[in-house]
Amino acid sequence: MDSPDVRHITDSRVLAAMAHPLRRRLMDVLKVHGPSTVGQLADRTDQAPANVSHHLKVLAAADLVTEAPELARDRRERWWRLVTRALRWSNTDFDTDPADRAVADAATSLNLDRHVALARAWHAADESAQATWNDAPFSTDHWLRLTPDELAELSREMIDLLARWANRDLPDDDADRRPVFVFVHGVPARP
């Protein structure tokens, strides 16, 4: 069951809108930093404001982002925010149309590429950046023997655990909390 902060996508046009590396990155920046202006998003992604603006319009047409006019200090300033904090889809929802399934497969592939790229970027970071985190960054893998129902249960438990950490109230302790990307995949495979 989805929470109100999770949108279940069943429209391939919405998947096509988000299945672009910059648009995916813009959504991540909005998730981490909250509502932002085009200028802030351009700075955080090293993109031209016109390019960011174009991609925000595509995301807005798919109802993935929306303007936040209440944050603007004047009529020229445009703020943007995510419509929902998380998206999910099942490729099987797109099985009835080969073109829709191709879009879903492409979105899944882009998602996995993004996950791996973030992990690779961390491992390529210089030693001084890595040293501040000591041994905190981790990776782990396990081979489990599960039924489809057991894998679904494990999925719910993992998602609930990550949601608890993501939605917790941050202590007011002046600690330097930085964005940390965590991803988990559980897929049937052959060793």
C-alpha atoms as a PDB file:
ATOM      1  CA  MET A   1       0.000   0.000   0.000  1.00  0.00           C
ATOM      2  CA  ASP A   2       1.333   3.436  -0.943  1.00  0.00           C
ATOM      3  CA  SER A   3       1.595   6.295   1.501  1.00  0.00           C
ATOM      4  CA  PRO A   4       0.266   9.743   0.555  1.00  0.00           C
ATOM      5  CA  ASP A   5       3.862  10.766  -0.262  1.00  0.00           C
ATOM      6  CA  VAL A   6       4.241   7.975  -2.850  1.00  0.00           C
ATOM      7  CA  ARG A   7       2.704   8.245  -6.292  1.00  0.00           C
ATOM      8  CA  HIS A   8       2.080   5.007  -8.165  1.00  0.00           C
ATOM      9  CA  ILE A   9       2.664   5.745 -11.851  1.00  0.00           C
ATOM     10  CA  THR A  10       0.600   3.852 -14.400  1.00  0.00           C
ATOM     11  CA  ASP A  11       0.822   6.363 -17.277  1.00  0.00           C
ATOM     12  CA  SER A  12       3.758   5.841 -19.642  1.00  0.00           C
ATOM     13  CA  ARG A  13       3.751   9.566 -20.506  1.00  0.00           C
ATOM     14  CA  VAL A  14       4.626  10.357 -16.891  1.00  0.00           C
ATOM     15  CA  LEU A  15       7.421   7.764 -16.945  1.00  0.00           C
ATOM     16  CA  ALA A  16       8.707   9.206 -20.213  1.00  0.00           C
ATOM     17  CA  ALA A  17       8.794  12.684 -18.660  1.00  0.00           C
ATOM     18  CA  MET A  18      10.889  11.550 -15.711  1.00  0.00           C
ATOM     19  CA  ALA A  19      13.049   9.126 -17.734  1.00  0.00           C
ATOM     20  CA  HIS A  20      15.615  11.749 -18.632  1.00  0.00           C
ATOM     21  CA  PRO A  21      18.877  12.117 -16.672  1.00  0.00           C
ATOM     22  CA  LEU A  22      18.539  15.858 -16.004  1.00  0.00           C
ATOM     23  CA  ARG A  23      14.864  15.681 -15.115  1.00  0.00           C
ATOM     24  CA  ARG A  24      15.582  12.823 -12.730  1.00  0.00           C
ATOM     25  CA  ARG A  25      18.392  14.878 -11.202  1.00  0.00           C
ATOM     26  CA  LEU A  26      16.176  17.960 -10.857  1.00  0.00           C
ATOM     27  CA  MET A  27      13.645  15.854  -8.975  1.00  0.00           C
ATOM     28  CA  ASP A  28      16.409  14.571  -6.686  1.00  0.00           C
ATOM     29  CA  VAL A  29      17.603  18.138  -5.998  1.00  0.00           C
ATOM     30  CA  LEU A  30      14.044  19.182  -5.122  1.00  0.00           C
ATOM     31  CA  LYS A  31      13.719  16.143  -2.856  1.00  0.00           C
ATOM     32  CA  VAL A  32      16.950  16.951  -0.997  1.00  0.00           C
ATOM     33  CA  HIS A  33      16.829  20.759  -0.920  1.00  0.00           C
ATOM     34  CA  GLY A  34      13.095  21.377  -1.053  1.00  0.00           C
ATOM     35  CA  PRO A  35      11.386  24.051  -3.126  1.00  0.00           C
ATOM     36  CA  SER A  36      13.853  25.930  -5.315  1.00  0.00           C
ATOM     37  CA  THR A  37      14.026  28.575  -7.997  1.00  0.00           C
ATOM     38  CA  VAL A  38      15.216  27.881 -11.520  1.00  0.00           C
ATOM     39  CA  GLY A  39      18.456  29.722 -10.658  1.00  0.00           C
ATOM     40  CA  GLN A  40      19.072  27.570  -7.592  1.00  0.00           C
ATOM     41  CA  LEU A  41      18.384  24.403  -9.569  1.00  0.00           C
ATOM     42  CA  ALA A  42      20.686  25.585 -12.362  1.00  0.00           C
ATOM     43  CA  ASP A  43      23.488  26.225  -9.836  1.00  0.00           C
ATOM     44  CA  ARG A  44      23.013  22.837  -8.158  1.00  0.00           C
ATOM     45  CA  THR A  45      23.044  20.945 -11.462  1.00  0.00           C
ATOM     46  CA  ASP A  46      25.571  23.059 -13.409  1.00  0.00           C
ATOM     47  CA  GLN A  47      22.982  23.676 -16.126  1.00  0.00           C
ATOM     48  CA  ALA A  48      21.841  26.795 -17.944  1.00  0.00           C
ATOM     49  CA  PRO A  49      18.670  28.307 -16.420  1.00  0.00           C
ATOM     50  CA  ALA A  50      16.883  28.069 -19.799  1.00  0.00           C
ATOM     51  CA  ASN A  51      17.615  24.327 -19.937  1.00  0.00           C
ATOM     52  CA  VAL A  52      16.387  23.834 -16.365  1.00  0.00           C
ATOM     53  CA  SER A  53      13.259  25.854 -17.114  1.00  0.00           C
ATOM     54  CA  HIS A  54      12.483  23.711 -20.169  1.00  0.00           C
ATOM     55  CA  HIS A  55      12.824  20.472 -18.200  1.00  0.00           C
ATOM     56  CA  LEU A  56      10.730  21.818 -15.312  1.00  0.00           C
ATOM     57  CA  LYS A  57       7.938  22.533 -17.795  1.00  0.00           C
ATOM     58  CA  VAL A  58       8.084  18.919 -18.998  1.00  0.00           C
ATOM     59  CA  LEU A  59       7.951  17.687 -15.384  1.00  0.00           C
ATOM     60  CA  ALA A  60       5.082  20.067 -14.607  1.00  0.00           C
ATOM     61  CA  ALA A  61       3.093  18.845 -17.623  1.00  0.00           C
ATOM     62  CA  ALA A  62       3.417  15.332 -16.160  1.00  0.00           C
ATOM     63  CA  ASP A  63       2.305  16.613 -12.731  1.00  0.00           C
ATOM     64  CA  LEU A  64       5.644  15.662 -11.179  1.00  0.00           C
ATOM     65  CA  VAL A  65       6.550  19.207 -10.097  1.00  0.00           C
ATOM     66  CA  THR A  66       4.444  22.273  -9.489  1.00  0.00           C
ATOM     67  CA  GLU A  67       5.031  25.947  -8.988  1.00  0.00           C
ATOM     68  CA  ALA A  68       5.151  27.287  -5.428  1.00  0.00           C
ATOM     69  CA  PRO A  69       4.056  30.914  -5.962  1.00  0.00           C
ATOM     70  CA  GLU A  70       3.670  31.558  -2.238  1.00  0.00           C
ATOM     71  CA  LEU A  71       7.475  31.455  -1.917  1.00  0.00           C
ATOM     72  CA  ALA A  72       8.130  34.126  -4.556  1.00  0.00           C
ATOM     73  CA  ARG A  73       9.278  37.540  -3.350  1.00  0.00           C
ATOM     74  CA  ASP A  74       8.123  39.215  -6.558  1.00  0.00           C
ATOM     75  CA  ARG A  75       6.213  38.369  -9.743  1.00  0.00           C
ATOM     76  CA  ARG A  76       9.363  37.424 -11.678  1.00  0.00           C
ATOM     77  CA  GLU A  77      10.624  34.854  -9.181  1.00  0.00           C
ATOM     78  CA  ARG A  78       9.343  31.305  -9.791  1.00  0.00           C
ATOM     79  CA  TRP A  79       9.712  28.565  -7.213  1.00  0.00           C
ATOM     80  CA  TRP A  80       9.179  24.868  -7.905  1.00  0.00           C
ATOM     81  CA  ARG A  81       8.446  21.894  -5.664  1.00  0.00           C
ATOM     82  CA  LEU A  82       7.782  18.186  -6.035  1.00  0.00           C
ATOM     83  CA  VAL A  83       4.157  17.108  -6.174  1.00  0.00           C
ATOM     84  CA  THR A  84       4.980  13.924  -4.221  1.00  0.00           C
ATOM     85  CA  ARG A  85       8.214  12.896  -2.536  1.00  0.00           C
ATOM     86  CA  ALA A  86       8.417   9.419  -4.033  1.00  0.00           C
ATOM     87  CA  LEU A  87       7.402   7.624  -7.198  1.00  0.00           C
ATOM     88  CA  ARG A  88       6.909   3.958  -7.839  1.00  0.00           C
ATOM     89  CA  TRP A  89       5.873   1.882 -10.784  1.00  0.00           C
ATOM     90  CA  SER A  90       5.738  -1.729 -11.802  1.00  0.00           C
ATOM     91  CA  ASN A  91       6.827  -2.641 -15.285  1.00  0.00           C
ATOM     92  CA  THR A  92       4.001  -5.199 -15.360  1.00  0.00           C
ATOM     93  CA  ASP A  93       1.501  -2.304 -15.309  1.00  0.00           C
ATOM     94  CA  PHE A  94       2.694  -1.537 -18.840  1.00  0.00           C
ATOM     95  CA  ASP A  95       2.608  -5.054 -20.295  1.00  0.00           C
ATOM     96  CA  THR A  96      -0.487  -4.548 -22.460  1.00  0.00           C
ATOM     97  CA  ASP A  97       1.219  -2.149 -24.885  1.00  0.00           C
ATOM     98  CA  PRO A  98       4.739  -2.815 -26.232  1.00  0.00           C
ATOM     99  CA  ALA A  99       5.474   0.929 -26.582  1.00  0.00           C
ATOM    100  CA  ASP A 100       4.405   1.582 -22.996  1.00  0.00           C
ATOM    101  CA  ARG A 101       6.500  -1.355 -21.805  1.00  0.00           C
ATOM    102  CA  ALA A 102       9.525   0.045 -23.652  1.00  0.00           C
ATOM    103  CA  VAL A 103       9.054   3.361 -21.812  1.00  0.00           C
ATOM    104  CA  ALA A 104       8.784   1.535 -18.467  1.00  0.00           C
ATOM    105  CA  ASP A 105      11.895  -0.509 -19.227  1.00  0.00           C
ATOM    106  CA  ALA A 106      13.787   2.673 -20.172  1.00  0.00           C
ATOM    107  CA  ALA A 107      12.678   4.399 -16.946  1.00  0.00           C
ATOM    108  CA  THR A 108      13.800   1.408 -14.893  1.00  0.00           C
ATOM    109  CA  SER A 109      17.152   1.346 -16.690  1.00  0.00           C
ATOM    110  CA  LEU A 110      17.670   5.080 -16.149  1.00  0.00           C
ATOM    111  CA  ASN A 111      16.797   4.652 -12.482  1.00  0.00           C
ATOM    112  CA  LEU A 112      19.368   1.897 -12.066  1.00  0.00           C
ATOM    113  CA  ASP A 113      21.995   3.913 -13.981  1.00  0.00           C
ATOM    114  CA  ARG A 114      21.360   6.852 -11.622  1.00  0.00           C
ATOM    115  CA  HIS A 115      21.738   4.641  -8.548  1.00  0.00           C
ATOM    116  CA  VAL A 116      24.999   3.129  -9.761  1.00  0.00           C
ATOM    117  CA  ALA A 117      26.378   6.521 -10.873  1.00  0.00           C
ATOM    118  CA  LEU A 118      25.840   7.973  -7.388  1.00  0.00           C
ATOM    119  CA  ALA A 119      27.620   5.016  -5.772  1.00  0.00           C
ATOM    120  CA  ARG A 120      30.491   5.224  -8.283  1.00  0.00           C
ATOM    121  CA  ALA A 121      30.857   8.977  -7.699  1.00  0.00           C
ATOM    122  CA  TRP A 122      31.299   8.363  -3.978  1.00  0.00           C
ATOM    123  CA  HIS A 123      33.970   5.732  -4.571  1.00  0.00           C
ATOM    124  CA  ALA A 124      35.761   8.093  -6.971  1.00  0.00           C
ATOM    125  CA  ALA A 125      35.756  10.974  -4.460  1.00  0.00           C
ATOM    126  CA  ASP A 126      39.103  12.095  -3.097  1.00  0.00           C
ATOM    127  CA  GLU A 127      40.419  10.569   0.112  1.00  0.00           C
ATOM    128  CA  SER A 128      39.871  13.702   2.200  1.00  0.00           C
ATOM    129  CA  ALA A 129      36.147  13.713   1.362  1.00  0.00           C
ATOM    130  CA  GLN A 130      35.903  10.019   2.156  1.00  0.00           C
ATOM    131  CA  ALA A 131      37.897  10.370   5.375  1.00  0.00           C
ATOM    132  CA  THR A 132      35.282  12.613   7.000  1.00  0.00           C
ATOM    133  CA  TRP A 133      32.791   9.770   6.805  1.00  0.00           C
ATOM    134  CA  ASN A 134      35.149   7.117   8.241  1.00  0.00           C
ATOM    135  CA  ASP A 135      33.602   3.679   7.794  1.00  0.00           C
ATOM    136  CA  ALA A 136      29.970   4.884   7.729  1.00  0.00           C
ATOM    137  CA  PRO A 137      29.307   4.385   3.984  1.00  0.00           C
ATOM    138  CA  PHE A 138      28.453   0.772   3.330  1.00  0.00           C
ATOM    139  CA  SER A 139      27.419  -1.763   0.810  1.00  0.00           C
ATOM    140  CA  THR A 140      26.149  -5.203   1.459  1.00  0.00           C
ATOM    141  CA  ASP A 141      24.677  -8.038  -0.481  1.00  0.00           C
ATOM    142  CA  HIS A 142      23.062 -11.294   0.478  1.00  0.00           C
ATOM    143  CA  TRP A 143      21.681 -14.287  -1.336  1.00  0.00           C
ATOM    144  CA  LEU A 144      18.320 -15.228   0.139  1.00  0.00           C
ATOM    145  CA  ARG A 145      15.905 -18.021  -0.665  1.00  0.00           C
ATOM    146  CA  LEU A 146      12.449 -16.453  -0.839  1.00  0.00           C
ATOM    147  CA  THR A 147       9.009 -16.878  -2.301  1.00  0.00           C
ATOM    148  CA  PRO A 148       7.452 -13.953  -4.183  1.00  0.00           C
ATOM    149  CA  ASP A 149       5.347 -13.182  -1.090  1.00  0.00           C
ATOM    150  CA  GLU A 150       8.412 -13.234   1.160  1.00  0.00           C
ATOM    151  CA  LEU A 151      10.273 -10.890  -1.199  1.00  0.00           C
ATOM    152  CA  ALA A 152       7.265  -8.537  -1.123  1.00  0.00           C
ATOM    153  CA  GLU A 153       7.330  -8.636   2.687  1.00  0.00           C
ATOM    154  CA  LEU A 154      11.074  -7.898   2.748  1.00  0.00           C
ATOM    155  CA  SER A 155      10.461  -5.024   0.328  1.00  0.00           C
ATOM    156  CA  ARG A 156       7.814  -3.498   2.609  1.00  0.00           C
ATOM    157  CA  GLU A 157      10.103  -3.840   5.652  1.00  0.00           C
ATOM    158  CA  MET A 158      13.047  -2.192   3.849  1.00  0.00           C
ATOM    159  CA  ILE A 159      10.885   0.630   2.504  1.00  0.00           C
ATOM    160  CA  ASP A 160       9.376   1.203   5.958  1.00  0.00           C
ATOM    161  CA  LEU A 161      12.837   1.305   7.541  1.00  0.00           C
ATOM    162  CA  LEU A 162      14.138   3.843   5.025  1.00  0.00           C
ATOM    163  CA  ALA A 163      10.938   5.911   5.327  1.00  0.00           C
ATOM    164  CA  ARG A 164      11.360   6.020   9.106  1.00  0.00           C
ATOM    165  CA  TRP A 165      14.862   7.473   8.674  1.00  0.00           C
ATOM    166  CA  ALA A 166      13.793   9.830   5.881  1.00  0.00           C
ATOM    167  CA  ASN A 167      10.773  11.181   7.767  1.00  0.00           C
ATOM    168  CA  ARG A 168      12.249  11.480  11.250  1.00  0.00           C
ATOM    169  CA  ASP A 169      12.457  14.799  13.039  1.00  0.00           C
ATOM    170  CA  LEU A 170      16.044  16.005  12.862  1.00  0.00           C
ATOM    171  CA  PRO A 171      17.585  16.790  16.240  1.00  0.00           C
ATOM    172  CA  ASP A 172      18.458  20.417  16.887  1.00  0.00           C
ATOM    173  CA  ASP A 173      22.074  19.600  17.746  1.00  0.00           C
ATOM    174  CA  ASP A 174      24.072  21.559  15.127  1.00  0.00           C
ATOM    175  CA  ALA A 175      25.405  18.299  13.663  1.00  0.00           C
ATOM    176  CA  ASP A 176      26.513  18.509  10.028  1.00  0.00           C
ATOM    177  CA  ARG A 177      23.906  16.309   8.311  1.00  0.00           C
ATOM    178  CA  ARG A 178      24.546  15.934   4.583  1.00  0.00           C
ATOM    179  CA  PRO A 179      22.467  14.239   1.911  1.00  0.00           C
ATOM    180  CA  VAL A 180      23.128  10.493   1.870  1.00  0.00           C
ATOM    181  CA  PHE A 181      21.797   8.329  -0.946  1.00  0.00           C
ATOM    182  CA  VAL A 182      20.676   4.825   0.037  1.00  0.00           C
ATOM    183  CA  PHE A 183      19.355   2.328  -2.456  1.00  0.00           C
ATOM    184  CA  VAL A 184      18.328  -1.286  -2.131  1.00  0.00           C
ATOM    185  CA  HIS A 185      17.396  -3.762  -4.831  1.00  0.00           C
ATOM    186  CA  GLY A 186      15.969  -7.183  -4.244  1.00  0.00           C
ATOM    187  CA  VAL A 187      15.632  -9.136  -7.462  1.00  0.00           C
ATOM    188  CA  PRO A 188      15.516 -12.815  -8.389  1.00  0.00           C
ATOM    189  CA  ALA A 189      18.870 -13.728  -9.911  1.00  0.00           C
ATOM    190  CA  ARG A 190      21.253 -16.559 -10.657  1.00  0.00           C
ATOM    191  CA  PRO A 191      24.677 -16.573  -8.966  1.00  0.00           C
END
